[in-house]
Amino acid sequence: MAKEKSPKKKPNIFKRIGNYFRDIISEIKKIVWPTPKATFKSTGVVLIAMVVVGVVIFGLDTGLHALFGLVMDLAGN
């Protein structure tokens, strides 16, 4: 007859909490923060992209509004 394996017991709650915070600290130590120069460059890229997308949306909105106005003028006559 085969022996039944007993399930592994979990460590007590305080040990699990300690392990959790120890893992958090080890992961925080692995973080590499960008330099101020890299942050400034990334911010500039984002701002330029926002301006470009805003201009494209403005152009599409203006063009479609003008096109819609022409269609409505033709439909009214």
N, C-alpha and C. Protein backbone atom coordinates (compact mmCIF):
# COMPACT_ATOMS: atom_id res chain seq x y z
N MET A 1 0.83 -1.16 0.00
CA MET A 1 0.00 0.00 0.00
C MET A 1 0.89 1.25 0.00
N ALA A 2 0.56 2.21 -0.88
CA ALA A 2 1.37 3.41 -1.02
C ALA A 2 1.09 4.37 0.13
N LYS A 3 2.16 5.02 0.56
CA LYS A 3 2.00 6.02 1.61
C LYS A 3 1.38 7.28 1.04
N GLU A 4 0.45 7.85 1.75
CA GLU A 4 -0.14 9.11 1.32
C GLU A 4 0.80 10.24 1.71
N LYS A 5 1.00 11.14 0.75
CA LYS A 5 1.85 12.29 1.02
C LYS A 5 1.05 13.34 1.76
N SER A 6 1.59 13.83 2.84
CA SER A 6 0.90 14.89 3.55
C SER A 6 1.16 16.22 2.83
N PRO A 7 0.14 17.05 2.72
CA PRO A 7 0.35 18.34 2.05
C PRO A 7 1.34 19.19 2.85
N LYS A 8 2.14 19.95 2.11
CA LYS A 8 3.11 20.82 2.78
C LYS A 8 2.37 21.90 3.56
N LYS A 9 2.84 22.14 4.76
CA LYS A 9 2.23 23.19 5.57
C LYS A 9 2.79 24.54 5.15
N LYS A 10 1.92 25.51 5.09
CA LYS A 10 2.36 26.87 4.80
C LYS A 10 3.07 27.43 6.03
N PRO A 11 4.08 28.28 5.82
CA PRO A 11 4.70 28.92 6.98
C PRO A 11 3.68 29.81 7.68
N ASN A 12 3.93 30.13 8.93
CA ASN A 12 2.97 30.95 9.65
C ASN A 12 2.84 32.33 9.00
N ILE A 13 1.81 33.04 9.38
CA ILE A 13 1.46 34.31 8.75
C ILE A 13 2.57 35.35 8.86
N PHE A 14 3.26 35.40 9.99
CA PHE A 14 4.31 36.40 10.17
C PHE A 14 5.51 36.12 9.25
N LYS A 15 5.81 34.84 9.05
CA LYS A 15 6.91 34.48 8.17
C LYS A 15 6.55 34.82 6.71
N ARG A 16 5.28 34.57 6.33
CA ARG A 16 4.84 34.90 4.96
C ARG A 16 4.87 36.41 4.73
N ILE A 17 4.45 37.19 5.72
CA ILE A 17 4.49 38.65 5.59
C ILE A 17 5.93 39.12 5.48
N GLY A 18 6.82 38.55 6.30
CA GLY A 18 8.24 38.91 6.23
C GLY A 18 8.84 38.58 4.87
N ASN A 19 8.50 37.41 4.34
CA ASN A 19 8.99 37.03 3.00
C ASN A 19 8.46 37.99 1.93
N TYR A 20 7.20 38.40 2.07
CA TYR A 20 6.60 39.31 1.11
C TYR A 20 7.37 40.63 1.08
N PHE A 21 7.62 41.22 2.24
CA PHE A 21 8.33 42.50 2.28
C PHE A 21 9.79 42.34 1.86
N ARG A 22 10.40 41.22 2.16
CA ARG A 22 11.77 40.97 1.72
C ARG A 22 11.82 40.92 0.18
N ASP A 23 10.82 40.28 -0.44
CA ASP A 23 10.74 40.23 -1.90
C ASP A 23 10.52 41.62 -2.49
N ILE A 24 9.69 42.42 -1.83
CA ILE A 24 9.45 43.79 -2.31
C ILE A 24 10.74 44.59 -2.30
N ILE A 25 11.48 44.50 -1.23
CA ILE A 25 12.73 45.26 -1.11
C ILE A 25 13.73 44.81 -2.17
N SER A 26 13.80 43.50 -2.42
CA SER A 26 14.75 43.02 -3.43
C SER A 26 14.34 43.50 -4.83
N GLU A 27 13.05 43.60 -5.09
CA GLU A 27 12.61 44.08 -6.40
C GLU A 27 12.84 45.59 -6.54
N ILE A 28 12.65 46.33 -5.47
CA ILE A 28 12.88 47.78 -5.51
C ILE A 28 14.35 48.08 -5.81
N LYS A 29 15.24 47.25 -5.30
CA LYS A 29 16.66 47.46 -5.55
C LYS A 29 17.03 47.26 -7.02
N LYS A 30 16.18 46.56 -7.78
CA LYS A 30 16.45 46.30 -9.20
C LYS A 30 15.99 47.44 -10.11
N ILE A 31 15.26 48.41 -9.57
CA ILE A 31 14.73 49.51 -10.37
C ILE A 31 15.89 50.39 -10.86
N VAL A 32 15.82 50.73 -12.15
CA VAL A 32 16.81 51.65 -12.72
C VAL A 32 16.03 52.90 -13.15
N TRP A 33 16.29 54.01 -12.47
CA TRP A 33 15.58 55.24 -12.76
C TRP A 33 16.26 55.96 -13.93
N PRO A 34 15.46 56.61 -14.79
CA PRO A 34 16.07 57.35 -15.92
C PRO A 34 16.79 58.59 -15.41
N THR A 35 17.75 59.02 -16.19
CA THR A 35 18.48 60.23 -15.85
C THR A 35 17.59 61.44 -16.15
N PRO A 36 17.89 62.59 -15.54
CA PRO A 36 17.09 63.79 -15.85
C PRO A 36 17.12 64.13 -17.35
N LYS A 37 18.26 63.88 -17.99
CA LYS A 37 18.37 64.17 -19.42
C LYS A 37 17.42 63.27 -20.22
N ALA A 38 17.37 61.99 -19.88
CA ALA A 38 16.47 61.06 -20.58
C ALA A 38 15.01 61.41 -20.32
N THR A 39 14.71 61.83 -19.10
CA THR A 39 13.34 62.23 -18.77
C THR A 39 12.94 63.46 -19.56
N PHE A 40 13.82 64.44 -19.65
CA PHE A 40 13.54 65.66 -20.40
C PHE A 40 13.33 65.33 -21.88
N LYS A 41 14.16 64.45 -22.43
CA LYS A 41 14.05 64.07 -23.84
C LYS A 41 12.72 63.35 -24.09
N SER A 42 12.35 62.44 -23.20
CA SER A 42 11.09 61.71 -23.36
C SER A 42 9.89 62.65 -23.26
N THR A 43 9.97 63.62 -22.36
CA THR A 43 8.90 64.60 -22.21
C THR A 43 8.75 65.41 -23.49
N GLY A 44 9.87 65.80 -24.09
CA GLY A 44 9.83 66.54 -25.35
C GLY A 44 9.19 65.73 -26.46
N VAL A 45 9.53 64.45 -26.55
CA VAL A 45 8.95 63.58 -27.58
C VAL A 45 7.44 63.48 -27.40
N VAL A 46 6.99 63.33 -26.15
CA VAL A 46 5.56 63.22 -25.88
C VAL A 46 4.84 64.51 -26.24
N LEU A 47 5.41 65.66 -25.88
CA LEU A 47 4.77 66.94 -26.21
C LEU A 47 4.69 67.16 -27.71
N ILE A 48 5.75 66.83 -28.43
CA ILE A 48 5.73 66.98 -29.88
C ILE A 48 4.69 66.06 -30.50
N ALA A 49 4.60 64.82 -30.02
CA ALA A 49 3.61 63.88 -30.53
C ALA A 49 2.19 64.39 -30.28
N MET A 50 1.97 64.98 -29.10
CA MET A 50 0.65 65.53 -28.79
C MET A 50 0.28 66.67 -29.74
N VAL A 51 1.24 67.53 -30.03
CA VAL A 51 0.98 68.65 -30.94
C VAL A 51 0.67 68.12 -32.35
N VAL A 52 1.45 67.14 -32.82
CA VAL A 52 1.23 66.59 -34.16
C VAL A 52 -0.15 65.94 -34.25
N VAL A 53 -0.50 65.13 -33.27
CA VAL A 53 -1.81 64.48 -33.28
C VAL A 53 -2.92 65.53 -33.19
N GLY A 54 -2.75 66.56 -32.39
CA GLY A 54 -3.74 67.62 -32.29
C GLY A 54 -3.95 68.34 -33.61
N VAL A 55 -2.85 68.62 -34.33
CA VAL A 55 -2.96 69.28 -35.64
C VAL A 55 -3.67 68.38 -36.64
N VAL A 56 -3.36 67.09 -36.62
CA VAL A 56 -4.02 66.15 -37.54
C VAL A 56 -5.51 66.07 -37.25
N ILE A 57 -5.87 65.98 -35.98
CA ILE A 57 -7.30 65.92 -35.63
C ILE A 57 -8.00 67.22 -35.99
N PHE A 58 -7.33 68.36 -35.75
CA PHE A 58 -7.92 69.65 -36.13
C PHE A 58 -8.14 69.71 -37.64
N GLY A 59 -7.16 69.27 -38.41
CA GLY A 59 -7.29 69.28 -39.87
C GLY A 59 -8.42 68.39 -40.35
N LEU A 60 -8.52 67.18 -39.79
CA LEU A 60 -9.61 66.29 -40.18
C LEU A 60 -10.96 66.87 -39.79
N ASP A 61 -11.06 67.45 -38.62
CA ASP A 61 -12.32 68.02 -38.16
C ASP A 61 -12.73 69.19 -39.06
N THR A 62 -11.79 70.06 -39.37
CA THR A 62 -12.09 71.22 -40.22
C THR A 62 -12.49 70.76 -41.63
N GLY A 63 -11.75 69.81 -42.18
CA GLY A 63 -12.05 69.31 -43.53
C GLY A 63 -13.40 68.61 -43.58
N LEU A 64 -13.69 67.78 -42.62
CA LEU A 64 -14.97 67.08 -42.63
C LEU A 64 -16.13 68.04 -42.37
N HIS A 65 -15.90 69.07 -41.55
CA HIS A 65 -16.94 70.06 -41.32
C HIS A 65 -17.25 70.82 -42.62
N ALA A 66 -16.20 71.19 -43.36
CA ALA A 66 -16.41 71.88 -44.63
C ALA A 66 -17.12 70.97 -45.63
N LEU A 67 -16.71 69.70 -45.69
CA LEU A 67 -17.34 68.75 -46.60
C LEU A 67 -18.80 68.54 -46.24
N PHE A 68 -19.10 68.42 -44.95
CA PHE A 68 -20.47 68.26 -44.50
C PHE A 68 -21.30 69.50 -44.86
N GLY A 69 -20.69 70.69 -44.73
CA GLY A 69 -21.39 71.92 -45.11
C GLY A 69 -21.73 71.94 -46.59
N LEU A 70 -20.80 71.50 -47.45
CA LEU A 70 -21.07 71.43 -48.90
C LEU A 70 -22.19 70.46 -49.21
N VAL A 71 -22.17 69.31 -48.58
CA VAL A 71 -23.22 68.30 -48.81
C VAL A 71 -24.57 68.83 -48.38
N MET A 72 -24.63 69.52 -47.26
CA MET A 72 -25.91 70.05 -46.78
C MET A 72 -26.41 71.18 -47.69
N ASP A 73 -25.47 72.01 -48.23
CA ASP A 73 -25.89 73.07 -49.16
C ASP A 73 -26.45 72.46 -50.44
N LEU A 74 -25.80 71.39 -50.92
CA LEU A 74 -26.30 70.74 -52.15
C LEU A 74 -27.63 70.06 -51.90
N ALA A 75 -27.82 69.48 -50.74
CA ALA A 75 -29.07 68.80 -50.42
C ALA A 75 -30.20 69.80 -50.21
N GLY A 76 -29.89 71.03 -49.79
CA GLY A 76 -30.92 72.04 -49.52
C GLY A 76 -31.45 72.65 -50.80
N ASN A 77 -30.71 72.59 -51.90
CA ASN A 77 -31.17 73.22 -53.16
C ASN A 77 -32.02 72.32 -53.96
